[in-house]
Every structure is written in C-alpha cells, then in structure tokens.
Amino acid sequence: MLERRFVCSLDELPPGAMKLVDVGKFGVGVYNVAGSLHAIVNYCSHEGAPLCEGLIGGTNESAPDEPGGLRRIKDGQIVRCPWHNWEFDVTTGQNLADPKRRVRTYRVDVADGQVYLNA
C-alpha cells in the first residue's frame, strides 16, 4: 500500500531543483522539471549507485543539420549516475542508452502549495 509523504512546500522546490526524501531502502529524489514534479528511486539500476546524487541536466542527440552534428535536448530532465555516468530520464525512469533498463518512478502531487510523494 502506498503511503503519502510530505516532501516540502512547492516554493522550496523551484524548477531545476531536487529534494531527497528518506523513504524506503534507498530514498527517493523528487525533481521539479520545468514546473512538473517527478520522483525516482535513489538507486542506479546498473550497479546500485546513489543516483540522485548525480548531476541533473540534459543530453545530446544526433543532428546532422546542426553545427557540430549535435543538439542539446531534455535540459533539466536527465540525471547522470555519479559512478558510471549512466543517464536516466527523471520523467519516465528510462535509461537513455538502453530503454529496457529503468529505475522506479513514483507519483508526486501538490495540495495547498505542499508537495507530497506517494511511495
């Protein structure tokens, strides 16, 4: 059964920010991606690193029509594992290199300006 846990006030989690919540065995990172809230387990599916300690940013995709042949995408949506640089989309939990690999995601909601995690 899911438990609804208070995370913080919405003002404390501006776009681009992450708040680590002490829940479960590894914790859960709650992210604000351009005003949309998402949560993932703090555990890399590769070798168990504390995933939410990784850098949050974007990634590159091939763009032959762009100078340098690359285009920056998904800014503020990709967390990079601090151990081996595996990239995960915090909005879906999917690994960018291998979409069959993923990390667990959780539902987040806001009520009266307060952020709650359902874990």
C-alpha atoms as a PDB file:
ATOM      1  CA  MET A   1       0.000   0.000   0.000  1.00  0.00           C
ATOM      2  CA  LEU A   2       1.326   3.431  -0.953  1.00  0.00           C
ATOM      3  CA  GLU A   3       1.986   5.977   1.740  1.00  0.00           C
ATOM      4  CA  ARG A   4       1.583   9.700   1.080  1.00  0.00           C
ATOM      5  CA  ARG A   5       4.598  11.547   2.476  1.00  0.00           C
ATOM      6  CA  PHE A   6       5.083  15.295   2.862  1.00  0.00           C
ATOM      7  CA  VAL A   7       8.178  16.469   0.948  1.00  0.00           C
ATOM      8  CA  CYS A   8       8.320  20.274   1.237  1.00  0.00           C
ATOM      9  CA  SER A   9       6.459  23.391   0.227  1.00  0.00           C
ATOM     10  CA  LEU A  10       6.312  23.995  -3.520  1.00  0.00           C
ATOM     11  CA  ASP A  11       8.323  27.211  -3.009  1.00  0.00           C
ATOM     12  CA  GLU A  12      11.227  25.087  -1.703  1.00  0.00           C
ATOM     13  CA  LEU A  13      11.351  23.060  -4.945  1.00  0.00           C
ATOM     14  CA  PRO A  14      11.759  25.540  -7.818  1.00  0.00           C
ATOM     15  CA  PRO A  15      12.310  24.384 -11.424  1.00  0.00           C
ATOM     16  CA  GLY A  16      15.657  22.593 -11.718  1.00  0.00           C
ATOM     17  CA  ALA A  17      15.734  21.583  -8.049  1.00  0.00           C
ATOM     18  CA  MET A  18      15.689  18.153  -6.404  1.00  0.00           C
ATOM     19  CA  LYS A  19      14.748  17.144  -2.870  1.00  0.00           C
ATOM     20  CA  LEU A  20      15.862  13.777  -1.471  1.00  0.00           C
ATOM     21  CA  VAL A  21      13.222  12.107   0.708  1.00  0.00           C
ATOM     22  CA  ASP A  22      14.188   9.463   3.272  1.00  0.00           C
ATOM     23  CA  VAL A  23      11.728   6.751   2.320  1.00  0.00           C
ATOM     24  CA  GLY A  24      12.247   3.064   1.597  1.00  0.00           C
ATOM     25  CA  LYS A  25      15.636   1.394   1.473  1.00  0.00           C
ATOM     26  CA  PHE A  26      17.398   3.930  -0.776  1.00  0.00           C
ATOM     27  CA  GLY A  27      15.400   7.147  -0.628  1.00  0.00           C
ATOM     28  CA  VAL A  28      13.558   8.933  -3.414  1.00  0.00           C
ATOM     29  CA  GLY A  29      14.534  12.059  -5.329  1.00  0.00           C
ATOM     30  CA  VAL A  30      11.707  14.486  -6.109  1.00  0.00           C
ATOM     31  CA  TYR A  31      12.533  16.711  -9.085  1.00  0.00           C
ATOM     32  CA  ASN A  32      10.956  19.846 -10.491  1.00  0.00           C
ATOM     33  CA  VAL A  33      11.384  19.634 -14.273  1.00  0.00           C
ATOM     34  CA  ALA A  34      10.209  22.932 -15.773  1.00  0.00           C
ATOM     35  CA  GLY A  35       7.328  23.137 -13.286  1.00  0.00           C
ATOM     36  CA  SER A  36       6.319  19.464 -13.487  1.00  0.00           C
ATOM     37  CA  LEU A  37       7.109  17.248 -10.474  1.00  0.00           C
ATOM     38  CA  HIS A  38       8.586  13.753 -10.840  1.00  0.00           C
ATOM     39  CA  ALA A  39      10.191  11.241  -8.469  1.00  0.00           C
ATOM     40  CA  ILE A  40      12.669   8.374  -8.909  1.00  0.00           C
ATOM     41  CA  VAL A  41      14.336   5.926  -6.569  1.00  0.00           C
ATOM     42  CA  ASN A  42      17.812   6.946  -5.405  1.00  0.00           C
ATOM     43  CA  TYR A  43      19.342   3.744  -6.814  1.00  0.00           C
ATOM     44  CA  CYS A  44      21.013   3.246 -10.191  1.00  0.00           C
ATOM     45  CA  SER A  45      19.864   0.038 -11.868  1.00  0.00           C
ATOM     46  CA  HIS A  46      23.381  -0.514 -13.205  1.00  0.00           C
ATOM     47  CA  GLU A  47      25.426  -1.054 -10.025  1.00  0.00           C
ATOM     48  CA  GLY A  48      23.427   0.498  -7.198  1.00  0.00           C
ATOM     49  CA  ALA A  49      24.940   3.979  -7.023  1.00  0.00           C
ATOM     50  CA  PRO A  50      23.029   6.766  -5.227  1.00  0.00           C
ATOM     51  CA  LEU A  51      21.529   8.015  -8.487  1.00  0.00           C
ATOM     52  CA  CYS A  52      20.024  11.240  -7.166  1.00  0.00           C
ATOM     53  CA  GLU A  53      23.486  12.477  -6.178  1.00  0.00           C
ATOM     54  CA  GLY A  54      24.268  12.693  -9.894  1.00  0.00           C
ATOM     55  CA  LEU A  55      24.187  15.843 -11.964  1.00  0.00           C
ATOM     56  CA  ILE A  56      20.882  16.909 -13.470  1.00  0.00           C
ATOM     57  CA  GLY A  57      20.942  18.390 -16.944  1.00  0.00           C
ATOM     58  CA  GLY A  58      20.186  17.419 -20.483  1.00  0.00           C
ATOM     59  CA  THR A  59      21.649  15.140 -23.096  1.00  0.00           C
ATOM     60  CA  ASN A  60      22.721  15.291 -26.734  1.00  0.00           C
ATOM     61  CA  GLU A  61      21.184  13.772 -29.816  1.00  0.00           C
ATOM     62  CA  SER A  62      22.489  13.490 -33.329  1.00  0.00           C
ATOM     63  CA  ALA A  63      21.528  16.447 -35.504  1.00  0.00           C
ATOM     64  CA  PRO A  64      23.314  16.383 -38.860  1.00  0.00           C
ATOM     65  CA  ASP A  65      21.767  19.752 -39.788  1.00  0.00           C
ATOM     66  CA  GLU A  66      23.279  21.482 -36.698  1.00  0.00           C
ATOM     67  CA  PRO A  67      26.847  22.835 -36.391  1.00  0.00           C
ATOM     68  CA  GLY A  68      28.915  20.061 -34.763  1.00  0.00           C
ATOM     69  CA  GLY A  69      26.241  17.490 -35.604  1.00  0.00           C
ATOM     70  CA  LEU A  70      24.666  17.507 -32.114  1.00  0.00           C
ATOM     71  CA  ARG A  71      21.655  19.144 -30.491  1.00  0.00           C
ATOM     72  CA  ARG A  72      21.061  19.584 -26.729  1.00  0.00           C
ATOM     73  CA  ILE A  73      17.719  18.134 -25.570  1.00  0.00           C
ATOM     74  CA  LYS A  74      15.762  17.409 -22.378  1.00  0.00           C
ATOM     75  CA  ASP A  75      17.506  20.075 -20.273  1.00  0.00           C
ATOM     76  CA  GLY A  76      16.744  19.638 -16.570  1.00  0.00           C
ATOM     77  CA  GLN A  77      15.231  16.213 -17.231  1.00  0.00           C
ATOM     78  CA  ILE A  78      18.233  13.872 -17.271  1.00  0.00           C
ATOM     79  CA  VAL A  79      20.118  12.672 -14.188  1.00  0.00           C
ATOM     80  CA  ARG A  80      23.586  11.235 -14.714  1.00  0.00           C
ATOM     81  CA  CYS A  81      24.731   8.479 -12.346  1.00  0.00           C
ATOM     82  CA  PRO A  82      27.668   9.683 -10.223  1.00  0.00           C
ATOM     83  CA  TRP A  83      29.561   6.389 -10.611  1.00  0.00           C
ATOM     84  CA  HIS A  84      29.437   5.467 -14.307  1.00  0.00           C
ATOM     85  CA  ASN A  85      27.565   8.349 -15.995  1.00  0.00           C
ATOM     86  CA  TRP A  86      24.520   6.279 -16.986  1.00  0.00           C
ATOM     87  CA  GLU A  87      21.762   8.715 -17.947  1.00  0.00           C
ATOM     88  CA  PHE A  88      18.150   8.359 -16.804  1.00  0.00           C
ATOM     89  CA  ASP A  89      15.108  10.457 -17.693  1.00  0.00           C
ATOM     90  CA  VAL A  90      13.570  11.507 -14.368  1.00  0.00           C
ATOM     91  CA  THR A  91      10.148  11.898 -16.004  1.00  0.00           C
ATOM     92  CA  THR A  92       9.959   8.234 -17.095  1.00  0.00           C
ATOM     93  CA  GLY A  93      12.741   6.399 -15.220  1.00  0.00           C
ATOM     94  CA  GLN A  94      14.123   5.135 -18.542  1.00  0.00           C
ATOM     95  CA  ASN A  95      17.812   4.731 -19.242  1.00  0.00           C
ATOM     96  CA  LEU A  96      18.760   6.688 -22.357  1.00  0.00           C
ATOM     97  CA  ALA A  97      21.227   4.146 -23.762  1.00  0.00           C
ATOM     98  CA  ASP A  98      19.026   1.101 -23.110  1.00  0.00           C
ATOM     99  CA  PRO A  99      15.283   1.902 -22.797  1.00  0.00           C
ATOM    100  CA  LYS A 100      14.633  -1.593 -21.366  1.00  0.00           C
ATOM    101  CA  ARG A 101      16.597  -0.545 -18.279  1.00  0.00           C
ATOM    102  CA  ARG A 102      14.829   1.794 -15.944  1.00  0.00           C
ATOM    103  CA  VAL A 103      14.578   2.961 -12.367  1.00  0.00           C
ATOM    104  CA  ARG A 104      11.399   3.035 -10.344  1.00  0.00           C
ATOM    105  CA  THR A 105       9.275   6.169 -10.521  1.00  0.00           C
ATOM    106  CA  TYR A 106       6.726   7.470  -8.033  1.00  0.00           C
ATOM    107  CA  ARG A 107       3.699   9.728  -8.214  1.00  0.00           C
ATOM    108  CA  VAL A 108       4.006  13.242  -6.812  1.00  0.00           C
ATOM    109  CA  ASP A 109       1.122  15.612  -6.115  1.00  0.00           C
ATOM    110  CA  VAL A 110       0.624  19.126  -4.784  1.00  0.00           C
ATOM    111  CA  ALA A 111      -2.125  20.229  -2.416  1.00  0.00           C
ATOM    112  CA  ASP A 112      -2.417  23.731  -0.954  1.00  0.00           C
ATOM    113  CA  GLY A 113       1.158  24.560  -2.017  1.00  0.00           C
ATOM    114  CA  GLN A 114       2.584  21.440  -0.342  1.00  0.00           C
ATOM    115  CA  VAL A 115       4.408  18.681  -2.248  1.00  0.00           C
ATOM    116  CA  TYR A 116       3.601  15.050  -1.444  1.00  0.00           C
ATOM    117  CA  LEU A 117       5.262  11.825  -2.548  1.00  0.00           C
ATOM    118  CA  ASN A 118       3.229   8.653  -2.942  1.00  0.00           C
ATOM    119  CA  ALA A 119       5.673   5.825  -2.152  1.00  0.00           C
END
